[in-house]
Amino acid sequence: MAGHLKLGERGEKLAVEFLKKQDYAILETRYRYSRYEIDIICRSVKGHLVFVEVKTRTNLSHGKPMDFVSKRKENYISQAAQYYIEKTGWDDAIRFDIISIEISGEHHKLDHIKDAFFPTSW
């Protein structure tokens, strides 16, 4: 497996562990719709359906991990989310979050950005 894929997988595992500790119920990981993927779908303590994009980096010379979620990526996530909502019949509150992880050796720093974006095409 390529190094960047291993790093991404490590970041997603750290994000899932973090969310579970915050009492989120993990519903899906690596959810795919067509060519789009949502890293984590979970339900918050308040009952929101939360779609989470995880970004992990070891080198911050080009910016923080969260800076790499482009408008295009947001659009892909929202399209997959819309399909998930239709498929499951969800009709309550939703949220789009980003979990940004900086890894240095065995240590990491995790930032959870709630309501990081909302689709403009809905």
PDB file of N, CA and C in Angstrom:
ATOM      1  N   MET A   1       0.851  -1.182   0.000  1.00  0.00           N
ATOM      2  CA  MET A   1       0.000   0.000   0.000  1.00  0.00           C
ATOM      3  C   MET A   1       0.890   1.237   0.000  1.00  0.00           C
ATOM      4  N   ALA A   2       0.525   2.209  -0.804  1.00  0.00           N
ATOM      5  CA  ALA A   2       1.290   3.458  -0.890  1.00  0.00           C
ATOM      6  C   ALA A   2       1.281   4.185   0.451  1.00  0.00           C
ATOM      7  N   GLY A   3       2.353   4.928   0.708  1.00  0.00           N
ATOM      8  CA  GLY A   3       2.516   5.632   1.980  1.00  0.00           C
ATOM      9  C   GLY A   3       1.386   6.579   2.307  1.00  0.00           C
ATOM     10  N   HIS A   4       0.927   7.338   1.308  1.00  0.00           N
ATOM     11  CA  HIS A   4      -0.151   8.297   1.581  1.00  0.00           C
ATOM     12  C   HIS A   4      -1.461   7.585   1.917  1.00  0.00           C
ATOM     13  N   LEU A   5      -1.665   6.381   1.371  1.00  0.00           N
ATOM     14  CA  LEU A   5      -2.873   5.626   1.696  1.00  0.00           C
ATOM     15  C   LEU A   5      -2.808   5.086   3.119  1.00  0.00           C
ATOM     16  N   LYS A   6      -1.626   4.632   3.534  1.00  0.00           N
ATOM     17  CA  LYS A   6      -1.448   4.170   4.911  1.00  0.00           C
ATOM     18  C   LYS A   6      -1.657   5.311   5.893  1.00  0.00           C
ATOM     19  N   LEU A   7      -1.144   6.483   5.538  1.00  0.00           N
ATOM     20  CA  LEU A   7      -1.318   7.658   6.398  1.00  0.00           C
ATOM     21  C   LEU A   7      -2.795   8.011   6.517  1.00  0.00           C
ATOM     22  N   GLY A   8      -3.500   7.995   5.403  1.00  0.00           N
ATOM     23  CA  GLY A   8      -4.930   8.288   5.415  1.00  0.00           C
ATOM     24  C   GLY A   8      -5.708   7.284   6.242  1.00  0.00           C
ATOM     25  N   GLU A   9      -5.362   6.016   6.110  1.00  0.00           N
ATOM     26  CA  GLU A   9      -6.029   4.971   6.885  1.00  0.00           C
ATOM     27  C   GLU A   9      -5.761   5.157   8.382  1.00  0.00           C
ATOM     28  N   ARG A  10      -4.525   5.496   8.726  1.00  0.00           N
ATOM     29  CA  ARG A  10      -4.181   5.761  10.137  1.00  0.00           C
ATOM     30  C   ARG A  10      -4.995   6.935  10.675  1.00  0.00           C
ATOM     31  N   GLY A  11      -5.096   8.000   9.876  1.00  0.00           N
ATOM     32  CA  GLY A  11      -5.874   9.168  10.282  1.00  0.00           C
ATOM     33  C   GLY A  11      -7.338   8.837  10.482  1.00  0.00           C
ATOM     34  N   GLU A  12      -7.910   8.035   9.598  1.00  0.00           N
ATOM     35  CA  GLU A  12      -9.318   7.660   9.729  1.00  0.00           C
ATOM     36  C   GLU A  12      -9.552   6.832  10.991  1.00  0.00           C
ATOM     37  N   LYS A  13      -8.615   5.950  11.317  1.00  0.00           N
ATOM     38  CA  LYS A  13      -8.738   5.156  12.550  1.00  0.00           C
ATOM     39  C   LYS A  13      -8.674   6.064  13.776  1.00  0.00           C
ATOM     40  N   LEU A  14      -7.758   7.029  13.761  1.00  0.00           N
ATOM     41  CA  LEU A  14      -7.669   7.977  14.878  1.00  0.00           C
ATOM     42  C   LEU A  14      -8.961   8.782  15.010  1.00  0.00           C
ATOM     43  N   ALA A  15      -9.531   9.180  13.875  1.00  0.00           N
ATOM     44  CA  ALA A  15     -10.776   9.955  13.890  1.00  0.00           C
ATOM     45  C   ALA A  15     -11.927   9.135  14.461  1.00  0.00           C
ATOM     46  N   VAL A  16     -12.030   7.870  14.065  1.00  0.00           N
ATOM     47  CA  VAL A  16     -13.087   7.003  14.579  1.00  0.00           C
ATOM     48  C   VAL A  16     -12.933   6.835  16.085  1.00  0.00           C
ATOM     49  N   GLU A  17     -11.717   6.595  16.551  1.00  0.00           N
ATOM     50  CA  GLU A  17     -11.462   6.455  17.993  1.00  0.00           C
ATOM     51  C   GLU A  17     -11.885   7.723  18.734  1.00  0.00           C
ATOM     52  N   PHE A  18     -11.514   8.878  18.194  1.00  0.00           N
ATOM     53  CA  PHE A  18     -11.880  10.161  18.798  1.00  0.00           C
ATOM     54  C   PHE A  18     -13.391  10.321  18.887  1.00  0.00           C
ATOM     55  N   LEU A  19     -14.075  10.061  17.774  1.00  0.00           N
ATOM     56  CA  LEU A  19     -15.530  10.228  17.747  1.00  0.00           C
ATOM     57  C   LEU A  19     -16.224   9.284  18.729  1.00  0.00           C
ATOM     58  N   LYS A  20     -15.760   8.062  18.815  1.00  0.00           N
ATOM     59  CA  LYS A  20     -16.348   7.110  19.768  1.00  0.00           C
ATOM     60  C   LYS A  20     -16.176   7.609  21.200  1.00  0.00           C
ATOM     61  N   LYS A  21     -15.025   8.171  21.505  1.00  0.00           N
ATOM     62  CA  LYS A  21     -14.784   8.706  22.852  1.00  0.00           C
ATOM     63  C   LYS A  21     -15.699   9.894  23.150  1.00  0.00           C
ATOM     64  N   GLN A  22     -16.150  10.570  22.101  1.00  0.00           N
ATOM     65  CA  GLN A  22     -17.071  11.694  22.253  1.00  0.00           C
ATOM     66  C   GLN A  22     -18.528  11.232  22.179  1.00  0.00           C
ATOM     67  N   ASP A  23     -18.740   9.930  22.233  1.00  0.00           N
ATOM     68  CA  ASP A  23     -20.068   9.299  22.217  1.00  0.00           C
ATOM     69  C   ASP A  23     -20.817   9.437  20.896  1.00  0.00           C
ATOM     70  N   TYR A  24     -20.093   9.541  19.799  1.00  0.00           N
ATOM     71  CA  TYR A  24     -20.725   9.482  18.485  1.00  0.00           C
ATOM     72  C   TYR A  24     -20.944   8.006  18.137  1.00  0.00           C
ATOM     73  N   ALA A  25     -22.050   7.720  17.488  1.00  0.00           N
ATOM     74  CA  ALA A  25     -22.315   6.366  17.001  1.00  0.00           C
ATOM     75  C   ALA A  25     -21.829   6.296  15.555  1.00  0.00           C
ATOM     76  N   ILE A  26     -20.870   5.437  15.297  1.00  0.00           N
ATOM     77  CA  ILE A  26     -20.318   5.289  13.944  1.00  0.00           C
ATOM     78  C   ILE A  26     -21.285   4.425  13.133  1.00  0.00           C
ATOM     79  N   LEU A  27     -21.781   4.973  12.034  1.00  0.00           N
ATOM     80  CA  LEU A  27     -22.737   4.262  11.178  1.00  0.00           C
ATOM     81  C   LEU A  27     -22.056   3.645   9.969  1.00  0.00           C
ATOM     82  N   GLU A  28     -21.108   4.375   9.399  1.00  0.00           N
ATOM     83  CA  GLU A  28     -20.410   3.914   8.193  1.00  0.00           C
ATOM     84  C   GLU A  28     -18.991   4.476   8.187  1.00  0.00           C
ATOM     85  N   THR A  29     -18.071   3.711   7.621  1.00  0.00           N
ATOM     86  CA  THR A  29     -16.747   4.240   7.308  1.00  0.00           C
ATOM     87  C   THR A  29     -16.478   3.936   5.845  1.00  0.00           C
ATOM     88  N   ARG A  30     -15.806   4.874   5.204  1.00  0.00           N
ATOM     89  CA  ARG A  30     -15.504   4.757   3.770  1.00  0.00           C
ATOM     90  C   ARG A  30     -16.747   4.441   2.942  1.00  0.00           C
ATOM     91  N   TYR A  31     -17.778   5.192   3.189  1.00  0.00           N
ATOM     92  CA  TYR A  31     -19.040   5.009   2.468  1.00  0.00           C
ATOM     93  C   TYR A  31     -18.874   5.491   1.027  1.00  0.00           C
ATOM     94  N   ARG A  32     -19.253   4.635   0.088  1.00  0.00           N
ATOM     95  CA  ARG A  32     -19.099   4.974  -1.325  1.00  0.00           C
ATOM     96  C   ARG A  32     -20.449   5.107  -2.028  1.00  0.00           C
ATOM     97  N   TYR A  33     -20.514   6.147  -2.829  1.00  0.00           N
ATOM     98  CA  TYR A  33     -21.625   6.332  -3.750  1.00  0.00           C
ATOM     99  C   TYR A  33     -20.995   6.732  -5.072  1.00  0.00           C
ATOM    100  N   SER A  34     -21.190   5.911  -6.098  1.00  0.00           N
ATOM    101  CA  SER A  34     -20.580   6.145  -7.394  1.00  0.00           C
ATOM    102  C   SER A  34     -19.069   6.261  -7.210  1.00  0.00           C
ATOM    103  N   ARG A  35     -18.490   7.355  -7.611  1.00  0.00           N
ATOM    104  CA  ARG A  35     -17.041   7.527  -7.445  1.00  0.00           C
ATOM    105  C   ARG A  35     -16.691   8.392  -6.231  1.00  0.00           C
ATOM    106  N   TYR A  36     -17.683   8.732  -5.448  1.00  0.00           N
ATOM    107  CA  TYR A  36     -17.489   9.601  -4.296  1.00  0.00           C
ATOM    108  C   TYR A  36     -17.404   8.784  -3.008  1.00  0.00           C
ATOM    109  N   GLU A  37     -16.680   9.302  -2.042  1.00  0.00           N
ATOM    110  CA  GLU A  37     -16.530   8.611  -0.770  1.00  0.00           C
ATOM    111  C   GLU A  37     -16.663   9.587   0.388  1.00  0.00           C
ATOM    112  N   ILE A  38     -17.323   9.107   1.447  1.00  0.00           N
ATOM    113  CA  ILE A  38     -17.389   9.850   2.703  1.00  0.00           C
ATOM    114  C   ILE A  38     -16.595   9.030   3.704  1.00  0.00           C
ATOM    115  N   ASP A  39     -15.633   9.662   4.355  1.00  0.00           N
ATOM    116  CA  ASP A  39     -14.757   8.926   5.266  1.00  0.00           C
ATOM    117  C   ASP A  39     -15.524   8.308   6.424  1.00  0.00           C
ATOM    118  N   ILE A  40     -16.370   9.111   7.086  1.00  0.00           N
ATOM    119  CA  ILE A  40     -17.118   8.620   8.243  1.00  0.00           C
ATOM    120  C   ILE A  40     -18.523   9.222   8.228  1.00  0.00           C
ATOM    121  N   ILE A  41     -19.511   8.382   8.488  1.00  0.00           N
ATOM    122  CA  ILE A  41     -20.874   8.847   8.730  1.00  0.00           C
ATOM    123  C   ILE A  41     -21.216   8.394  10.138  1.00  0.00           C
ATOM    124  N   CYS A  42     -21.669   9.336  10.955  1.00  0.00           N
ATOM    125  CA  CYS A  42     -21.973   8.998  12.348  1.00  0.00           C
ATOM    126  C   CYS A  42     -23.167   9.811  12.841  1.00  0.00           C
ATOM    127  N   ARG A  43     -23.607   9.468  14.033  1.00  0.00           N
ATOM    128  CA  ARG A  43     -24.693  10.206  14.660  1.00  0.00           C
ATOM    129  C   ARG A  43     -24.160  10.818  15.947  1.00  0.00           C
ATOM    130  N   SER A  44     -24.383  12.097  16.124  1.00  0.00           N
ATOM    131  CA  SER A  44     -23.881  12.804  17.298  1.00  0.00           C
ATOM    132  C   SER A  44     -24.772  12.534  18.504  1.00  0.00           C
ATOM    133  N   VAL A  45     -24.301  12.940  19.650  1.00  0.00           N
ATOM    134  CA  VAL A  45     -25.072  12.805  20.894  1.00  0.00           C
ATOM    135  C   VAL A  45     -26.410  13.530  20.775  1.00  0.00           C
ATOM    136  N   LYS A  46     -26.418  14.659  20.065  1.00  0.00           N
ATOM    137  CA  LYS A  46     -27.652  15.442  19.881  1.00  0.00           C
ATOM    138  C   LYS A  46     -28.552  14.854  18.799  1.00  0.00           C
ATOM    139  N   GLY A  47     -28.097  13.782  18.151  1.00  0.00           N
ATOM    140  CA  GLY A  47     -28.917  13.127  17.146  1.00  0.00           C
ATOM    141  C   GLY A  47     -28.722  13.616  15.726  1.00  0.00           C
ATOM    142  N   HIS A  48     -27.739  14.481  15.487  1.00  0.00           N
ATOM    143  CA  HIS A  48     -27.448  14.932  14.128  1.00  0.00           C
ATOM    144  C   HIS A  48     -26.784  13.804  13.336  1.00  0.00           C
ATOM    145  N   LEU A  49     -27.125  13.722  12.079  1.00  0.00           N
ATOM    146  CA  LEU A  49     -26.402  12.849  11.169  1.00  0.00           C
ATOM    147  C   LEU A  49     -25.196  13.652  10.703  1.00  0.00           C
ATOM    148  N   VAL A  50     -23.994  13.113  10.915  1.00  0.00           N
ATOM    149  CA  VAL A  50     -22.774  13.867  10.651  1.00  0.00           C
ATOM    150  C   VAL A  50     -21.942  13.153   9.584  1.00  0.00           C
ATOM    151  N   PHE A  51     -21.576  13.909   8.551  1.00  0.00           N
ATOM    152  CA  PHE A  51     -20.713  13.423   7.492  1.00  0.00           C
ATOM    153  C   PHE A  51     -19.334  14.035   7.737  1.00  0.00           C
ATOM    154  N   VAL A  52     -18.321  13.174   7.885  1.00  0.00           N
ATOM    155  CA  VAL A  52     -17.003  13.634   8.306  1.00  0.00           C
ATOM    156  C   VAL A  52     -15.961  13.356   7.234  1.00  0.00           C
ATOM    157  N   GLU A  53     -15.237  14.395   6.861  1.00  0.00           N
ATOM    158  CA  GLU A  53     -14.072  14.271   5.985  1.00  0.00           C
ATOM    159  C   GLU A  53     -12.843  14.333   6.877  1.00  0.00           C
ATOM    160  N   VAL A  54     -11.966  13.345   6.735  1.00  0.00           N
ATOM    161  CA  VAL A  54     -10.744  13.283   7.537  1.00  0.00           C
ATOM    162  C   VAL A  54      -9.559  13.637   6.645  1.00  0.00           C
ATOM    163  N   LYS A  55      -8.746  14.581   7.102  1.00  0.00           N
ATOM    164  CA  LYS A  55      -7.530  14.954   6.381  1.00  0.00           C
ATOM    165  C   LYS A  55      -6.354  14.796   7.331  1.00  0.00           C
ATOM    166  N   THR A  56      -5.343  14.070   6.871  1.00  0.00           N
ATOM    167  CA  THR A  56      -4.174  13.769   7.694  1.00  0.00           C
ATOM    168  C   THR A  56      -2.914  14.189   6.952  1.00  0.00           C
ATOM    169  N   ARG A  57      -2.021  14.837   7.660  1.00  0.00           N
ATOM    170  CA  ARG A  57      -0.746  15.264   7.078  1.00  0.00           C
ATOM    171  C   ARG A  57       0.378  15.080   8.094  1.00  0.00           C
ATOM    172  N   THR A  58       1.591  14.860   7.580  1.00  0.00           N
ATOM    173  CA  THR A  58       2.782  14.810   8.427  1.00  0.00           C
ATOM    174  C   THR A  58       3.634  16.062   8.232  1.00  0.00           C
ATOM    175  N   ASN A  59       3.437  16.732   7.118  1.00  0.00           N
ATOM    176  CA  ASN A  59       4.228  17.904   6.792  1.00  0.00           C
ATOM    177  C   ASN A  59       3.276  19.081   6.589  1.00  0.00           C
ATOM    178  N   LEU A  60       3.469  20.129   7.355  1.00  0.00           N
ATOM    179  CA  LEU A  60       2.563  21.279   7.285  1.00  0.00           C
ATOM    180  C   LEU A  60       3.114  22.422   6.431  1.00  0.00           C
ATOM    181  N   SER A  61       4.150  22.136   5.651  1.00  0.00           N
ATOM    182  CA  SER A  61       4.775  23.201   4.860  1.00  0.00           C
ATOM    183  C   SER A  61       3.830  23.799   3.814  1.00  0.00           C
ATOM    184  N   HIS A  62       2.822  23.051   3.402  1.00  0.00           N
ATOM    185  CA  HIS A  62       1.866  23.563   2.407  1.00  0.00           C
ATOM    186  C   HIS A  62       0.534  23.956   3.023  1.00  0.00           C
ATOM    187  N   GLY A  63       0.420  23.880   4.342  1.00  0.00           N
ATOM    188  CA  GLY A  63      -0.812  24.255   5.018  1.00  0.00           C
ATOM    189  C   GLY A  63      -1.327  23.157   5.926  1.00  0.00           C
ATOM    190  N   LYS A  64      -2.342  23.508   6.676  1.00  0.00           N
ATOM    191  CA  LYS A  64      -2.955  22.548   7.600  1.00  0.00           C
ATOM    192  C   LYS A  64      -3.807  21.549   6.822  1.00  0.00           C
ATOM    193  N   PRO A  65      -3.994  20.366   7.384  1.00  0.00           N
ATOM    194  CA  PRO A  65      -4.779  19.345   6.675  1.00  0.00           C
ATOM    195  C   PRO A  65      -6.150  19.829   6.231  1.00  0.00           C
ATOM    196  N   MET A  66      -6.836  20.589   7.085  1.00  0.00           N
ATOM    197  CA  MET A  66      -8.185  21.053   6.750  1.00  0.00           C
ATOM    198  C   MET A  66      -8.202  21.959   5.515  1.00  0.00           C
ATOM    199  N   ASP A  67      -7.048  22.576   5.204  1.00  0.00           N
ATOM    200  CA  ASP A  67      -6.973  23.460   4.044  1.00  0.00           C
ATOM    201  C   ASP A  67      -7.063  22.702   2.722  1.00  0.00           C
ATOM    202  N   PHE A  68      -6.964  21.374   2.790  1.00  0.00           N
ATOM    203  CA  PHE A  68      -6.968  20.565   1.576  1.00  0.00           C
ATOM    204  C   PHE A  68      -8.350  20.025   1.215  1.00  0.00           C
ATOM    205  N   VAL A  69      -9.375  20.515   1.885  1.00  0.00           N
ATOM    206  CA  VAL A  69     -10.748  20.157   1.515  1.00  0.00           C
ATOM    207  C   VAL A  69     -11.259  21.258   0.599  1.00  0.00           C
ATOM    208  N   SER A  70     -11.201  20.977  -0.681  1.00  0.00           N
ATOM    209  CA  SER A  70     -11.578  21.971  -1.685  1.00  0.00           C
ATOM    210  C   SER A  70     -13.097  22.035  -1.854  1.00  0.00           C
ATOM    211  N   LYS A  71     -13.559  23.058  -2.539  1.00  0.00           N
ATOM    212  CA  LYS A  71     -14.988  23.183  -2.859  1.00  0.00           C
ATOM    213  C   LYS A  71     -15.443  21.980  -3.693  1.00  0.00           C
ATOM    214  N   ARG A  72     -14.580  21.522  -4.555  1.00  0.00           N
ATOM    215  CA  ARG A  72     -14.900  20.356  -5.373  1.00  0.00           C
ATOM    216  C   ARG A  72     -15.110  19.125  -4.493  1.00  0.00           C
ATOM    217  N   LYS A  73     -14.216  18.943  -3.514  1.00  0.00           N
ATOM    218  CA  LYS A  73     -14.338  17.821  -2.587  1.00  0.00           C
ATOM    219  C   LYS A  73     -15.621  17.957  -1.764  1.00  0.00           C
ATOM    220  N   GLU A  74     -15.928  19.157  -1.310  1.00  0.00           N
ATOM    221  CA  GLU A  74     -17.170  19.397  -0.572  1.00  0.00           C
ATOM    222  C   GLU A  74     -18.372  18.990  -1.419  1.00  0.00           C
ATOM    223  N   ASN A  75     -18.337  19.314  -2.702  1.00  0.00           N
ATOM    224  CA  ASN A  75     -19.424  18.965  -3.607  1.00  0.00           C
ATOM    225  C   ASN A  75     -19.560  17.450  -3.735  1.00  0.00           C
ATOM    226  N   TYR A  76     -18.446  16.735  -3.860  1.00  0.00           N
ATOM    227  CA  TYR A  76     -18.480  15.275  -3.951  1.00  0.00           C
ATOM    228  C   TYR A  76     -19.069  14.668  -2.679  1.00  0.00           C
ATOM    229  N   ILE A  77     -18.626  15.169  -1.532  1.00  0.00           N
ATOM    230  CA  ILE A  77     -19.135  14.667  -0.250  1.00  0.00           C
ATOM    231  C   ILE A  77     -20.632  14.923  -0.148  1.00  0.00           C
ATOM    232  N   SER A  78     -21.069  16.111  -0.549  1.00  0.00           N
ATOM    233  CA  SER A  78     -22.495  16.445  -0.440  1.00  0.00           C
ATOM    234  C   SER A  78     -23.343  15.590  -1.374  1.00  0.00           C
ATOM    235  N   GLN A  79     -22.816  15.239  -2.546  1.00  0.00           N
ATOM    236  CA  GLN A  79     -23.565  14.365  -3.453  1.00  0.00           C
ATOM    237  C   GLN A  79     -23.737  12.977  -2.856  1.00  0.00           C
ATOM    238  N   ALA A  80     -22.673  12.442  -2.271  1.00  0.00           N
ATOM    239  CA  ALA A  80     -22.761  11.135  -1.622  1.00  0.00           C
ATOM    240  C   ALA A  80     -23.682  11.206  -0.407  1.00  0.00           C
ATOM    241  N   ALA A  81     -23.611  12.312   0.332  1.00  0.00           N
ATOM    242  CA  ALA A  81     -24.471  12.496   1.505  1.00  0.00           C
ATOM    243  C   ALA A  81     -25.943  12.551   1.089  1.00  0.00           C
ATOM    244  N   GLN A  82     -26.223  13.249   0.029  1.00  0.00           N
ATOM    245  CA  GLN A  82     -27.598  13.360  -0.443  1.00  0.00           C
ATOM    246  C   GLN A  82     -28.150  11.985  -0.806  1.00  0.00           C
ATOM    247  N   TYR A  83     -27.336  11.173  -1.442  1.00  0.00           N
ATOM    248  CA  TYR A  83     -27.756   9.816  -1.784  1.00  0.00           C
ATOM    249  C   TYR A  83     -28.012   9.006  -0.507  1.00  0.00           C
ATOM    250  N   TYR A  84     -27.110   9.116   0.470  1.00  0.00           N
ATOM    251  CA  TYR A  84     -27.258   8.386   1.733  1.00  0.00           C
ATOM    252  C   TYR A  84     -28.549   8.795   2.438  1.00  0.00           C
ATOM    253  N   ILE A  85     -28.821  10.081   2.463  1.00  0.00           N
ATOM    254  CA  ILE A  85     -30.031  10.598   3.110  1.00  0.00           C
ATOM    255  C   ILE A  85     -31.281  10.041   2.425  1.00  0.00           C
ATOM    256  N   GLU A  86     -31.287  10.049   1.102  1.00  0.00           N
ATOM    257  CA  GLU A  86     -32.429   9.515   0.353  1.00  0.00           C
ATOM    258  C   GLU A  86     -32.588   8.021   0.586  1.00  0.00           C
ATOM    259  N   LYS A  87     -31.467   7.302   0.570  1.00  0.00           N
ATOM    260  CA  LYS A  87     -31.490   5.848   0.737  1.00  0.00           C
ATOM    261  C   LYS A  87     -31.999   5.446   2.119  1.00  0.00           C
ATOM    262  N   THR A  88     -31.602   6.184   3.143  1.00  0.00           N
ATOM    263  CA  THR A  88     -31.968   5.822   4.517  1.00  0.00           C
ATOM    264  C   THR A  88     -33.252   6.481   4.992  1.00  0.00           C
ATOM    265  N   GLY A  89     -33.730   7.482   4.250  1.00  0.00           N
ATOM    266  CA  GLY A  89     -34.943   8.186   4.659  1.00  0.00           C
ATOM    267  C   GLY A  89     -34.720   9.146   5.820  1.00  0.00           C
ATOM    268  N   TRP A  90     -33.485   9.542   6.047  1.00  0.00           N
ATOM    269  CA  TRP A  90     -33.173  10.472   7.147  1.00  0.00           C
ATOM    270  C   TRP A  90     -33.891  11.787   6.910  1.00  0.00           C
ATOM    271  N   ASP A  91     -34.558  12.306   7.949  1.00  0.00           N
ATOM    272  CA  ASP A  91     -35.277  13.572   7.783  1.00  0.00           C
ATOM    273  C   ASP A  91     -35.074  14.503   8.975  1.00  0.00           C
ATOM    274  N   ASP A  92     -33.926  14.390   9.606  1.00  0.00           N
ATOM    275  CA  ASP A  92     -33.622  15.232  10.753  1.00  0.00           C
ATOM    276  C   ASP A  92     -32.362  16.047  10.437  1.00  0.00           C
ATOM    277  N   ALA A  93     -31.797  16.670  11.434  1.00  0.00           N
ATOM    278  CA  ALA A  93     -30.652  17.564  11.257  1.00  0.00           C
ATOM    279  C   ALA A  93     -29.419  16.821  10.740  1.00  0.00           C
ATOM    280  N   ILE A  94     -28.669  17.520   9.892  1.00  0.00           N
ATOM    281  CA  ILE A  94     -27.409  16.985   9.379  1.00  0.00           C
ATOM    282  C   ILE A  94     -26.303  18.013   9.591  1.00  0.00           C
ATOM    283  N   ARG A  95     -25.078  17.517   9.476  1.00  0.00           N
ATOM    284  CA  ARG A  95     -23.925  18.398   9.653  1.00  0.00           C
ATOM    285  C   ARG A  95     -22.759  17.826   8.845  1.00  0.00           C
ATOM    286  N   PHE A  96     -21.899  18.725   8.359  1.00  0.00           N
ATOM    287  CA  PHE A  96     -20.698  18.331   7.643  1.00  0.00           C
ATOM    288  C   PHE A  96     -19.486  18.821   8.444  1.00  0.00           C
ATOM    289  N   ASP A  97     -18.676  17.885   8.908  1.00  0.00           N
ATOM    290  CA  ASP A  97     -17.517  18.198   9.731  1.00  0.00           C
ATOM    291  C   ASP A  97     -16.233  17.810   9.013  1.00  0.00           C
ATOM    292  N   ILE A  98     -15.142  18.400   9.481  1.00  0.00           N
ATOM    293  CA  ILE A  98     -13.812  17.999   9.047  1.00  0.00           C
ATOM    294  C   ILE A  98     -13.020  17.646  10.295  1.00  0.00           C
ATOM    295  N   ILE A  99     -12.307  16.541  10.229  1.00  0.00           N
ATOM    296  CA  ILE A  99     -11.339  16.216  11.270  1.00  0.00           C
ATOM    297  C   ILE A  99      -9.969  16.328  10.627  1.00  0.00           C
ATOM    298  N   SER A 100      -9.185  17.235  11.173  1.00  0.00           N
ATOM    299  CA  SER A 100      -7.848  17.559  10.677  1.00  0.00           C
ATOM    300  C   SER A 100      -6.831  16.951  11.634  1.00  0.00           C
ATOM    301  N   ILE A 101      -5.929  16.121  11.100  1.00  0.00           N
ATOM    302  CA  ILE A 101      -4.960  15.433  11.946  1.00  0.00           C
ATOM    303  C   ILE A 101      -3.550  15.712  11.453  1.00  0.00           C
ATOM    304  N   GLU A 102      -2.711  16.154  12.377  1.00  0.00           N
ATOM    305  CA  GLU A 102      -1.290  16.362  12.117  1.00  0.00           C
ATOM    306  C   GLU A 102      -0.539  15.264  12.859  1.00  0.00           C
ATOM    307  N   ILE A 103       0.238  14.459  12.123  1.00  0.00           N
ATOM    308  CA  ILE A 103       0.961  13.342  12.727  1.00  0.00           C
ATOM    309  C   ILE A 103       2.456  13.617  12.684  1.00  0.00           C
ATOM    310  N   SER A 104       3.103  13.371  13.814  1.00  0.00           N
ATOM    311  CA  SER A 104       4.556  13.472  13.926  1.00  0.00           C
ATOM    312  C   SER A 104       5.035  12.259  14.716  1.00  0.00           C
ATOM    313  N   GLY A 105       5.571  11.282  14.015  1.00  0.00           N
ATOM    314  CA  GLY A 105       6.008  10.054  14.669  1.00  0.00           C
ATOM    315  C   GLY A 105       4.824   9.328  15.287  1.00  0.00           C
ATOM    316  N   GLU A 106       4.906   9.078  16.574  1.00  0.00           N
ATOM    317  CA  GLU A 106       3.821   8.401  17.291  1.00  0.00           C
ATOM    318  C   GLU A 106       2.813   9.378  17.878  1.00  0.00           C
ATOM    319  N   HIS A 107       3.062  10.665  17.739  1.00  0.00           N
ATOM    320  CA  HIS A 107       2.181  11.687  18.306  1.00  0.00           C
ATOM    321  C   HIS A 107       1.290  12.280  17.219  1.00  0.00           C
ATOM    322  N   HIS A 108       0.154  12.776  17.652  1.00  0.00           N
ATOM    323  CA  HIS A 108      -0.734  13.435  16.693  1.00  0.00           C
ATOM    324  C   HIS A 108      -1.520  14.542  17.397  1.00  0.00           C
ATOM    325  N   LYS A 109      -1.956  15.491  16.570  1.00  0.00           N
ATOM    326  CA  LYS A 109      -2.823  16.574  17.023  1.00  0.00           C
ATOM    327  C   LYS A 109      -4.070  16.507  16.164  1.00  0.00           C
ATOM    328  N   LEU A 110      -5.227  16.455  16.795  1.00  0.00           N
ATOM    329  CA  LEU A 110      -6.490  16.316  16.087  1.00  0.00           C
ATOM    330  C   LEU A 110      -7.363  17.532  16.350  1.00  0.00           C
ATOM    331  N   ASP A 111      -7.907  18.113  15.291  1.00  0.00           N
ATOM    332  CA  ASP A 111      -8.868  19.216  15.394  1.00  0.00           C
ATOM    333  C   ASP A 111     -10.176  18.762  14.759  1.00  0.00           C
ATOM    334  N   HIS A 112     -11.266  18.934  15.487  1.00  0.00           N
ATOM    335  CA  HIS A 112     -12.590  18.581  14.988  1.00  0.00           C
ATOM    336  C   HIS A 112     -13.328  19.882  14.680  1.00  0.00           C
ATOM    337  N   ILE A 113     -13.546  20.133  13.407  1.00  0.00           N
ATOM    338  CA  ILE A 113     -14.224  21.343  12.976  1.00  0.00           C
ATOM    339  C   ILE A 113     -15.676  20.982  12.657  1.00  0.00           C
ATOM    340  N   LYS A 114     -16.579  21.366  13.548  1.00  0.00           N
ATOM    341  CA  LYS A 114     -17.991  21.088  13.347  1.00  0.00           C
ATOM    342  C   LYS A 114     -18.589  22.135  12.413  1.00  0.00           C
ATOM    343  N   ASP A 115     -19.576  21.710  11.620  1.00  0.00           N
ATOM    344  CA  ASP A 115     -20.209  22.608  10.643  1.00  0.00           C
ATOM    345  C   ASP A 115     -19.164  23.281   9.762  1.00  0.00           C
ATOM    346  N   ALA A 116     -18.216  22.499   9.284  1.00  0.00           N
ATOM    347  CA  ALA A 116     -17.118  23.028   8.478  1.00  0.00           C
ATOM    348  C   ALA A 116     -17.602  23.602   7.147  1.00  0.00           C
ATOM    349  N   PHE A 117     -18.662  23.020   6.618  1.00  0.00           N
ATOM    350  CA  PHE A 117     -19.241  23.537   5.377  1.00  0.00           C
ATOM    351  C   PHE A 117     -20.668  23.018   5.263  1.00  0.00           C
ATOM    352  N   PHE A 118     -21.410  23.621   4.367  1.00  0.00           N
ATOM    353  CA  PHE A 118     -22.749  23.127   4.051  1.00  0.00           C
ATOM    354  C   PHE A 118     -22.936  23.240   2.549  1.00  0.00           C
ATOM    355  N   PRO A 119     -23.481  22.213   1.939  1.00  0.00           N
ATOM    356  CA  PRO A 119     -23.639  22.231   0.481  1.00  0.00           C
ATOM    357  C   PRO A 119     -24.495  23.405   0.020  1.00  0.00           C
ATOM    358  N   THR A 120     -24.044  24.073  -1.004  1.00  0.00           N
ATOM    359  CA  THR A 120     -24.796  25.192  -1.550  1.00  0.00           C
ATOM    360  C   THR A 120     -25.742  24.743  -2.659  1.00  0.00           C
ATOM    361  N   SER A 121     -25.573  23.507  -3.112  1.00  0.00           N
ATOM    362  CA  SER A 121     -26.392  23.031  -4.246  1.00  0.00           C
ATOM    363  C   SER A 121     -27.710  22.407  -3.797  1.00  0.00           C
ATOM    364  N   TRP A 122     -27.993  22.351  -2.517  1.00  0.00           N
ATOM    365  CA  TRP A 122     -29.223  21.704  -2.041  1.00  0.00           C
ATOM    366  C   TRP A 122     -30.371  22.664  -2.058  1.00  0.00           C
TER     367      TRP A 122
END
